[in-house]
């Protein structure tokens, strides 16, 4: 048992990133892709995960070589305003995510509780419970404790979605055909536009916050260049699970909703739609997995601002300091906004989407510049292959940014 725990601890940074990445936004994007187009967009998920692995590994290698975290390097070697931009943009995205995610989780639990309690337990009660749980775990102050708590939630989420996959999976031929890149043809191109769905899938998978936080996790793990293989394996473990879980969500939606010709706008709609198609077991598993996904993404979300500030200043991540506890408390309490006021934080969510859509190109450009600095990277600076991949990723990120911005302005 001790050997299992010791082995698992080697992958805690990767599990942390997995919990950060797989939230209700990711579940919604994958479920919608499966409902609208079956497994036809599976290739997009493969490409997104490969890009994510490349970026995680590249940012991690930068920290192994230089000993610097991302925002500190931006401040020192590019310009202080670049680091400030990331702090503002990522914090705005986190605030919108905390409100939206907890609103969805509370709504799911409320609907779920109706089967046990007449009228159900109020969403505010569930939101207060999860907000208290997340802050209680944070109060411990140690990253290792936080990572282990997150690992338990991620394990629950993974098991639920994987079991659901085997219950609801589509035909293997459909899964394999989805690996061939293609753009589905549609007559009406509103919220079901394949390009918009592709952009949302990439946006939820290739997330800049992952790469910025990765450097902090590598630094805190105490890894050096001698641990490069371990850093790479940890990144591979994280991205592999990311693909498996996301593909499972897409397949569950494709095997039920797509087959029945039902489209999807929000992930929590699957709970009501799945039961007549797949039965109560599959519905309960999906609901539990969705709740676990929401809660797991809240853990890193509430830590984002203090971690970014520590990254930018190069200071120790001592989360027991009063200023950090107050910051986390304020962000955590945003989870009560939706159920408390019975409203959707539309403007904040749209603003955060607009911010997130422009972060990726800048994230790619920054690491392109830093990884090619001979005075920083020495013999480990990027080669021709890495630069070609970064260039392609930068150009594609500009496209997804334009799609995301257009969608955000249309909503406004």
Protein backbone atom coordinates (compact mmCIF):
# COMPACT_ATOMS: atom_id res chain seq x y z
CA UNK A 1 0.00 0.00 0.00
CA UNK A 2 2.86 2.38 0.82
CA UNK A 3 4.37 1.72 -2.62
CA UNK A 4 1.06 2.59 -4.29
CA UNK A 5 0.77 5.83 -2.32
CA UNK A 6 4.41 6.69 -3.08
CA UNK A 7 3.87 6.04 -6.80
CA UNK A 8 0.68 8.11 -6.80
CA UNK A 9 2.46 11.02 -5.12
CA UNK A 10 4.82 11.24 -8.11
CA UNK A 11 1.83 12.20 -10.27
CA UNK A 12 0.12 14.65 -7.89
CA UNK A 13 1.12 17.72 -9.95
CA UNK A 14 -0.43 16.07 -13.01
CA UNK A 15 -3.58 15.18 -11.08
CA UNK A 16 -3.81 18.79 -9.94
CA UNK A 17 -3.77 19.95 -13.57
CA UNK A 18 -6.36 17.33 -14.50
CA UNK A 19 -8.73 18.54 -11.79
CA UNK A 20 -8.13 22.11 -12.96
CA UNK A 21 -8.87 21.26 -16.59
CA UNK A 22 -11.91 18.98 -16.32
CA UNK A 23 -14.69 21.23 -15.03
CA UNK A 24 -18.28 21.86 -16.02
CA UNK A 25 -17.14 23.95 -18.99
CA UNK A 26 -15.11 21.06 -20.36
CA UNK A 27 -17.94 18.60 -19.68
CA UNK A 28 -20.39 20.90 -21.50
CA UNK A 29 -18.11 21.26 -24.54
CA UNK A 30 -17.52 17.50 -24.86
CA UNK A 31 -21.15 16.58 -24.18
CA UNK A 32 -22.38 19.10 -26.77
CA UNK A 33 -19.88 17.83 -29.34
CA UNK A 34 -21.10 14.27 -28.78
CA UNK A 35 -24.79 15.21 -28.85
CA UNK A 36 -24.56 17.33 -32.02
CA UNK A 37 -22.01 15.38 -34.05
CA UNK A 38 -21.50 11.98 -32.42
CA UNK A 39 -17.81 11.06 -32.40
CA UNK A 40 -17.01 13.06 -35.56
CA UNK A 41 -14.99 15.65 -33.61
CA UNK A 42 -12.90 13.18 -31.61
CA UNK A 43 -9.89 14.20 -33.72
CA UNK A 44 -10.21 17.71 -32.28
CA UNK A 45 -9.82 16.31 -28.77
CA UNK A 46 -6.76 14.32 -29.84
CA UNK A 47 -5.15 17.40 -31.39
CA UNK A 48 -6.03 19.54 -28.34
CA UNK A 49 -4.51 17.05 -25.91
CA UNK A 50 -1.32 16.79 -27.99
CA UNK A 51 -1.01 20.60 -27.96
CA UNK A 52 -1.66 20.66 -24.23
CA UNK A 53 1.02 18.04 -23.59
CA UNK A 54 3.48 19.98 -25.75
CA UNK A 55 2.82 23.25 -23.90
CA UNK A 56 2.82 21.69 -20.42
CA UNK A 57 6.10 19.95 -21.16
CA UNK A 58 7.67 23.08 -22.67
CA UNK A 59 6.71 25.34 -19.77
CA UNK A 60 7.82 22.66 -17.31
CA UNK A 61 11.18 22.30 -19.06
CA UNK A 62 11.70 26.07 -18.92
CA UNK A 63 11.35 25.98 -15.13
CA UNK A 64 13.63 22.95 -14.84
CA UNK A 65 16.37 24.77 -16.79
CA UNK A 66 16.06 28.29 -15.36
CA UNK A 67 14.49 27.69 -11.95
CA UNK A 68 12.00 30.49 -12.73
CA UNK A 69 8.22 30.30 -12.77
CA UNK A 70 6.26 31.72 -15.71
CA UNK A 71 5.09 35.12 -14.45
CA UNK A 72 8.42 35.84 -12.78
CA UNK A 73 10.14 35.15 -16.09
CA UNK A 74 7.65 37.34 -17.97
CA UNK A 75 8.34 40.19 -15.54
CA UNK A 76 12.11 39.83 -15.64
CA UNK A 77 12.76 39.00 -19.29
CA UNK A 78 9.82 40.47 -21.24
CA UNK A 79 7.99 43.28 -19.39
CA UNK A 80 6.23 43.62 -16.01
CA UNK A 81 2.98 44.56 -17.78
CA UNK A 82 2.85 41.08 -19.38
CA UNK A 83 2.78 39.47 -15.95
CA UNK A 84 0.13 41.93 -14.76
CA UNK A 85 -1.97 41.11 -17.82
CA UNK A 86 -1.96 37.41 -16.97
CA UNK A 87 -2.87 38.10 -13.35
CA UNK A 88 -5.86 40.26 -14.38
CA UNK A 89 -7.05 38.03 -17.22
CA UNK A 90 -6.76 34.71 -15.40
CA UNK A 91 -8.31 36.11 -12.21
CA UNK A 92 -11.27 37.47 -14.21
CA UNK A 93 -11.75 34.04 -15.77
CA UNK A 94 -11.51 32.34 -12.39
CA UNK A 95 -14.12 34.63 -10.81
CA UNK A 96 -16.58 33.94 -13.60
CA UNK A 97 -15.84 30.22 -13.41
CA UNK A 98 -16.32 30.03 -9.63
CA UNK A 99 -19.78 31.64 -9.93
CA UNK A 100 -20.90 29.63 -12.95
CA UNK A 101 -19.53 26.26 -11.87
CA UNK A 102 -20.95 26.39 -8.37
CA UNK A 103 -24.30 27.52 -9.77
CA UNK A 104 -24.43 24.46 -12.03
CA UNK A 105 -23.24 22.08 -9.28
CA UNK A 106 -25.87 23.41 -6.85
CA UNK A 107 -28.59 23.09 -9.48
CA UNK A 108 -27.60 19.51 -10.27
CA UNK A 109 -27.60 18.53 -6.60
CA UNK A 110 -30.97 20.23 -6.11
CA UNK A 111 -32.54 18.24 -8.95
CA UNK A 112 -30.86 15.08 -7.73
CA UNK A 113 -32.15 15.55 -4.17
CA UNK A 114 -35.79 15.66 -5.32
CA UNK A 115 -35.77 11.88 -5.49
CA UNK A 116 -35.00 11.70 -1.75
CA UNK A 117 -36.61 14.85 -0.30
CA UNK A 118 -39.97 16.29 -1.29
CA UNK A 119 -39.23 19.46 -3.26
CA UNK A 120 -35.51 18.85 -3.00
CA UNK A 121 -32.81 20.54 -0.93
CA UNK A 122 -32.26 24.18 -1.91
CA UNK A 123 -29.37 24.99 -4.25
CA UNK A 124 -28.06 27.54 -1.72
CA UNK A 125 -27.62 24.78 0.87
CA UNK A 126 -25.54 22.70 -1.52
CA UNK A 127 -23.51 25.73 -2.62
CA UNK A 128 -22.80 26.65 1.01
CA UNK A 129 -21.69 23.07 1.72
CA UNK A 130 -19.25 22.89 -1.21
CA UNK A 131 -17.93 26.41 -0.60
CA UNK A 132 -17.23 25.48 3.04
CA UNK A 133 -15.59 22.21 2.00
CA UNK A 134 -13.24 23.88 -0.48
CA UNK A 135 -12.25 26.60 2.00
CA UNK A 136 -11.76 24.08 4.81
CA UNK A 137 -9.33 22.10 2.67
CA UNK A 138 -7.53 25.31 1.67
CA UNK A 139 -7.22 26.39 5.33
CA UNK A 140 -4.80 23.52 5.90
CA UNK A 141 -2.33 25.61 3.94
CA UNK A 142 -0.15 22.83 2.49
CA UNK A 143 -0.13 22.19 -1.26
CA UNK A 144 0.46 18.47 -0.75
CA UNK A 145 -2.71 18.16 1.35
CA UNK A 146 -4.62 20.15 -1.25
CA UNK A 147 -3.32 17.92 -4.05
CA UNK A 148 -4.25 14.72 -2.21
CA UNK A 149 -7.78 15.99 -1.51
CA UNK A 150 -8.09 16.90 -5.18
CA UNK A 151 -6.81 13.45 -6.18
CA UNK A 152 -9.73 11.81 -4.32
CA UNK A 153 -12.29 14.00 -6.10
CA UNK A 154 -10.61 13.40 -9.47
CA UNK A 155 -10.67 9.64 -8.83
CA UNK A 156 -14.43 9.77 -8.18
CA UNK A 157 -14.97 11.82 -11.34
CA UNK A 158 -12.82 9.50 -13.46
CA UNK A 159 -14.52 6.31 -12.29
CA UNK A 160 -18.00 7.75 -12.85
CA UNK A 161 -17.32 8.92 -16.40
CA UNK A 162 -15.40 5.77 -17.36
CA UNK A 163 -18.12 3.41 -16.10
CA UNK A 164 -20.66 5.56 -17.89
CA UNK A 165 -18.64 5.18 -21.08
CA UNK A 166 -18.91 1.38 -21.02
CA UNK A 167 -22.64 1.61 -20.36
CA UNK A 168 -23.43 4.13 -23.10
CA UNK A 169 -20.55 3.82 -25.60
CA UNK A 170 -21.36 4.07 -29.32
CA UNK A 171 -20.19 1.54 -31.89
CA UNK A 172 -16.38 1.10 -32.02
CA UNK A 173 -16.43 1.89 -35.76
CA UNK A 174 -17.93 5.32 -34.98
CA UNK A 175 -15.21 5.98 -32.40
CA UNK A 176 -12.40 5.12 -34.81
CA UNK A 177 -13.95 7.11 -37.67
CA UNK A 178 -13.91 10.18 -35.40
CA UNK A 179 -10.10 10.07 -35.41
CA UNK A 180 -10.09 11.13 -39.07
CA UNK A 181 -10.11 14.96 -39.27
CA UNK A 182 -13.28 16.34 -40.87
CA UNK A 183 -15.70 19.25 -40.47
CA UNK A 184 -19.36 18.11 -40.26
CA UNK A 185 -21.72 19.84 -42.68
CA UNK A 186 -24.77 21.54 -41.13
CA UNK A 187 -27.59 23.63 -42.55
CA UNK A 188 -28.21 25.85 -39.52
CA UNK A 189 -25.03 27.28 -38.01
CA UNK A 190 -26.12 29.02 -34.82
CA UNK A 191 -24.84 27.57 -31.56
CA UNK A 192 -24.39 24.24 -33.37
CA UNK A 193 -21.71 25.57 -35.74
CA UNK A 194 -18.97 22.91 -35.88
CA UNK A 195 -16.27 25.62 -35.93
CA UNK A 196 -17.68 27.20 -32.77
CA UNK A 197 -17.83 23.81 -31.03
CA UNK A 198 -14.28 23.01 -32.16
CA UNK A 199 -13.13 26.37 -30.75
CA UNK A 200 -14.88 25.65 -27.43
CA UNK A 201 -13.32 22.18 -27.22
CA UNK A 202 -9.86 23.58 -27.83
CA UNK A 203 -10.46 26.49 -25.47
CA UNK A 204 -11.40 24.20 -22.57
CA UNK A 205 -8.50 21.79 -23.21
CA UNK A 206 -5.62 24.04 -24.30
CA UNK A 207 -6.02 26.41 -21.34
CA UNK A 208 -3.30 28.97 -20.61
CA UNK A 209 -3.85 28.73 -16.86
CA UNK A 210 -2.61 25.13 -16.98
CA UNK A 211 0.75 26.15 -18.40
CA UNK A 212 1.26 29.07 -16.02
CA UNK A 213 0.36 26.96 -12.96
CA UNK A 214 2.50 24.09 -14.25
CA UNK A 215 5.69 26.07 -13.69
CA UNK A 216 4.66 26.74 -10.09
CA UNK A 217 3.96 23.04 -9.45
CA UNK A 218 7.29 22.02 -10.98
CA UNK A 219 9.11 24.59 -8.84
CA UNK A 220 7.36 23.51 -5.65
CA UNK A 221 7.98 19.80 -6.40
CA UNK A 222 11.70 20.59 -6.21
CA UNK A 223 12.41 19.04 -9.61
CA UNK A 224 15.63 19.82 -11.48
CA UNK A 225 16.95 18.85 -14.90
CA UNK A 226 17.75 15.43 -13.47
CA UNK A 227 13.98 14.96 -13.06
CA UNK A 228 13.13 15.85 -16.66
CA UNK A 229 11.85 12.35 -17.43
CA UNK A 230 9.64 12.41 -14.34
CA UNK A 231 8.30 15.85 -15.28
CA UNK A 232 7.51 14.62 -18.81
CA UNK A 233 5.88 11.41 -17.56
CA UNK A 234 3.76 13.40 -15.11
CA UNK A 235 2.60 15.67 -17.95
CA UNK A 236 1.87 12.62 -20.13
CA UNK A 237 -0.13 10.99 -17.33
CA UNK A 238 -2.21 14.13 -16.87
CA UNK A 239 -2.96 14.63 -20.56
CA UNK A 240 -3.72 10.94 -21.14
CA UNK A 241 -6.34 10.94 -18.39
CA UNK A 242 -7.60 14.26 -19.76
CA UNK A 243 -8.20 12.62 -23.13
CA UNK A 244 -9.75 9.45 -21.72
CA UNK A 245 -12.21 11.31 -19.46
CA UNK A 246 -13.16 13.88 -22.12
CA UNK A 247 -13.62 11.17 -24.75
CA UNK A 248 -15.78 9.21 -22.31
CA UNK A 249 -18.08 12.21 -21.84
CA UNK A 250 -18.32 12.73 -25.59
CA UNK A 251 -19.03 9.03 -26.18
CA UNK A 252 -21.76 8.90 -23.52
CA UNK A 253 -23.49 11.83 -25.18
CA UNK A 254 -22.95 10.43 -28.67
CA UNK A 255 -24.32 6.99 -27.74
CA UNK A 256 -27.55 8.44 -26.36
CA UNK A 257 -28.47 12.02 -27.29
CA UNK A 258 -26.95 11.99 -30.79
CA UNK A 259 -28.61 8.67 -31.56
CA UNK A 260 -31.95 10.10 -30.42
CA UNK A 261 -31.41 13.36 -32.36
CA UNK A 262 -31.37 15.51 -29.19
CA UNK A 263 -29.14 18.59 -29.08
CA UNK A 264 -27.59 20.05 -25.95
CA UNK A 265 -26.90 23.55 -24.64
CA UNK A 266 -25.80 22.85 -21.04
CA UNK A 267 -24.17 19.79 -19.47
CA UNK A 268 -26.67 19.56 -16.60
CA UNK A 269 -29.47 19.02 -19.13
CA UNK A 270 -28.07 15.53 -19.67
CA UNK A 271 -29.36 14.48 -16.27
CA UNK A 272 -32.99 14.89 -17.30
CA UNK A 273 -32.39 13.72 -20.87
CA UNK A 274 -30.35 10.61 -20.07
CA UNK A 275 -32.73 8.81 -17.74
CA UNK A 276 -35.37 7.77 -20.32
CA UNK A 277 -32.59 6.85 -22.77
CA UNK A 278 -30.05 5.14 -20.52
CA UNK A 279 -31.68 4.43 -17.15
CA UNK A 280 -31.18 5.72 -13.63
CA UNK A 281 -27.72 4.16 -13.07
CA UNK A 282 -26.14 5.97 -16.01
CA UNK A 283 -27.92 9.19 -15.03
CA UNK A 284 -26.69 8.97 -11.43
CA UNK A 285 -23.14 8.22 -12.51
CA UNK A 286 -23.09 11.16 -14.90
CA UNK A 287 -24.55 13.47 -12.25
CA UNK A 288 -21.96 12.35 -9.67
CA UNK A 289 -19.16 12.75 -12.21
CA UNK A 290 -20.38 16.22 -13.16
CA UNK A 291 -20.53 17.31 -9.52
CA UNK A 292 -17.02 15.91 -8.92
CA UNK A 293 -15.77 17.75 -12.03
CA UNK A 294 -17.23 21.02 -10.76
CA UNK A 295 -15.81 20.63 -7.26
CA UNK A 296 -12.38 19.51 -8.53
CA UNK A 297 -12.08 22.61 -10.71
CA UNK A 298 -12.99 24.85 -7.75
CA UNK A 299 -9.93 23.73 -5.77
CA UNK A 300 -7.34 25.23 -8.18
CA UNK A 301 -9.64 28.13 -9.09
CA UNK A 302 -9.72 29.60 -5.59
CA UNK A 303 -5.93 29.32 -5.33
CA UNK A 304 -5.25 31.00 -8.67
CA UNK A 305 -4.89 34.64 -7.54
CA UNK A 306 -2.51 34.11 -4.59
CA UNK A 307 -0.45 31.63 -6.62
CA UNK A 308 -0.18 34.11 -9.50
CA UNK A 309 0.94 36.85 -7.12
CA UNK A 310 3.58 34.57 -5.58
CA UNK A 311 4.68 33.56 -9.07
CA UNK A 312 4.97 37.20 -10.21
CA UNK A 313 6.95 38.34 -7.16
CA UNK A 314 9.03 35.18 -6.81
CA UNK A 315 7.95 34.78 -3.18
CA UNK A 316 7.24 31.59 -1.26
CA UNK A 317 3.72 30.18 -1.54
CA UNK A 318 2.81 30.50 2.12
CA UNK A 319 -0.96 30.21 1.91
CA UNK A 320 -1.45 30.62 5.67
CA UNK A 321 -0.71 34.34 5.43
CA UNK A 322 -3.81 36.43 6.32
CA UNK A 323 -3.85 38.32 3.00
CA UNK A 324 -3.97 35.11 1.01
CA UNK A 325 -6.65 33.60 3.22
CA UNK A 326 -8.79 36.71 2.72
CA UNK A 327 -8.27 36.59 -1.07
CA UNK A 328 -9.27 32.93 -1.23
CA UNK A 329 -12.27 33.53 1.04
CA UNK A 330 -13.52 36.34 -1.20
CA UNK A 331 -13.16 34.24 -4.36
CA UNK A 332 -14.67 31.15 -2.71
CA UNK A 333 -17.75 33.13 -1.57
CA UNK A 334 -18.45 34.03 -5.20
CA UNK A 335 -19.76 30.47 -5.45
CA UNK A 336 -22.85 31.64 -3.52
CA UNK A 337 -23.78 34.39 -6.01
CA UNK A 338 -25.90 32.34 -8.43
CA UNK A 339 -28.00 30.37 -5.92
CA UNK A 340 -28.24 33.32 -3.49
CA UNK A 341 -29.62 35.78 -6.05
CA UNK A 342 -31.24 33.16 -8.29
CA UNK A 343 -29.51 34.69 -11.29
CA UNK A 344 -26.83 33.92 -13.83
CA UNK A 345 -23.69 36.08 -13.77
CA UNK A 346 -24.00 36.61 -17.53
CA UNK A 347 -21.79 39.68 -17.86
CA UNK A 348 -18.98 38.20 -15.73
CA UNK A 349 -19.07 34.91 -17.58
CA UNK A 350 -18.99 36.65 -20.97
CA UNK A 351 -16.17 38.95 -19.83
CA UNK A 352 -14.15 35.98 -18.61
CA UNK A 353 -14.69 34.20 -21.94
CA UNK A 354 -13.47 37.30 -23.77
CA UNK A 355 -10.36 37.44 -21.57
CA UNK A 356 -9.64 33.72 -21.94
CA UNK A 357 -9.93 33.87 -25.73
CA UNK A 358 -7.00 36.29 -26.01
CA UNK A 359 -4.73 34.67 -23.43
CA UNK A 360 -3.60 31.63 -25.44
CA UNK A 361 -1.85 33.47 -28.32
CA UNK A 362 0.05 35.60 -25.79
CA UNK A 363 0.91 32.49 -23.76
CA UNK A 364 2.33 30.81 -26.87
CA UNK A 365 4.22 33.95 -27.93
CA UNK A 366 5.81 34.33 -24.48
CA UNK A 367 7.18 30.79 -24.30
CA UNK A 368 8.32 31.04 -27.94
CA UNK A 369 10.43 34.05 -27.01
CA UNK A 370 11.74 32.70 -23.71
CA UNK A 371 12.52 29.19 -24.95
CA UNK A 372 14.65 30.65 -27.77
CA UNK A 373 16.74 32.85 -25.47
CA UNK A 374 20.21 31.28 -25.46
CA UNK A 375 21.21 33.23 -22.34
CA UNK A 376 18.31 31.58 -20.46
CA UNK A 377 18.03 28.10 -21.99
CA UNK A 378 21.58 27.44 -23.22
CA UNK A 379 21.74 24.09 -24.99
CA UNK A 380 18.10 23.43 -24.08
CA UNK A 381 16.61 26.24 -26.17
CA UNK A 382 13.91 25.28 -28.65
CA UNK A 383 14.89 23.60 -31.89
CA UNK A 384 13.40 23.87 -35.35
CA UNK A 385 10.71 21.27 -34.63
CA UNK A 386 9.51 22.96 -31.45
CA UNK A 387 9.46 26.36 -33.14
CA UNK A 388 7.39 25.04 -36.05
CA UNK A 389 4.86 23.55 -33.62
CA UNK A 390 4.72 26.79 -31.63
CA UNK A 391 4.20 28.81 -34.81
CA UNK A 392 1.35 26.56 -35.95
CA UNK A 393 -0.20 26.67 -32.48
CA UNK A 394 0.08 30.47 -32.39
CA UNK A 395 -1.64 30.89 -35.75
CA UNK A 396 -4.41 28.48 -34.79
CA UNK A 397 -4.87 30.19 -31.41
CA UNK A 398 -5.44 33.48 -33.26
CA UNK A 399 -8.28 31.81 -35.16
CA UNK A 400 -9.91 30.37 -32.02
CA UNK A 401 -9.50 33.76 -30.31
CA UNK A 402 -11.40 35.52 -33.11
CA UNK A 403 -14.19 32.92 -32.88
CA UNK A 404 -14.36 33.25 -29.10
CA UNK A 405 -14.42 37.05 -29.18
CA UNK A 406 -17.16 37.14 -31.80
CA UNK A 407 -19.25 34.77 -29.70
CA UNK A 408 -18.69 36.84 -26.55
CA UNK A 409 -19.65 40.12 -28.25
CA UNK A 410 -22.76 38.52 -29.73
CA UNK A 411 -23.84 37.47 -26.23
CA UNK A 412 -23.21 40.98 -24.92
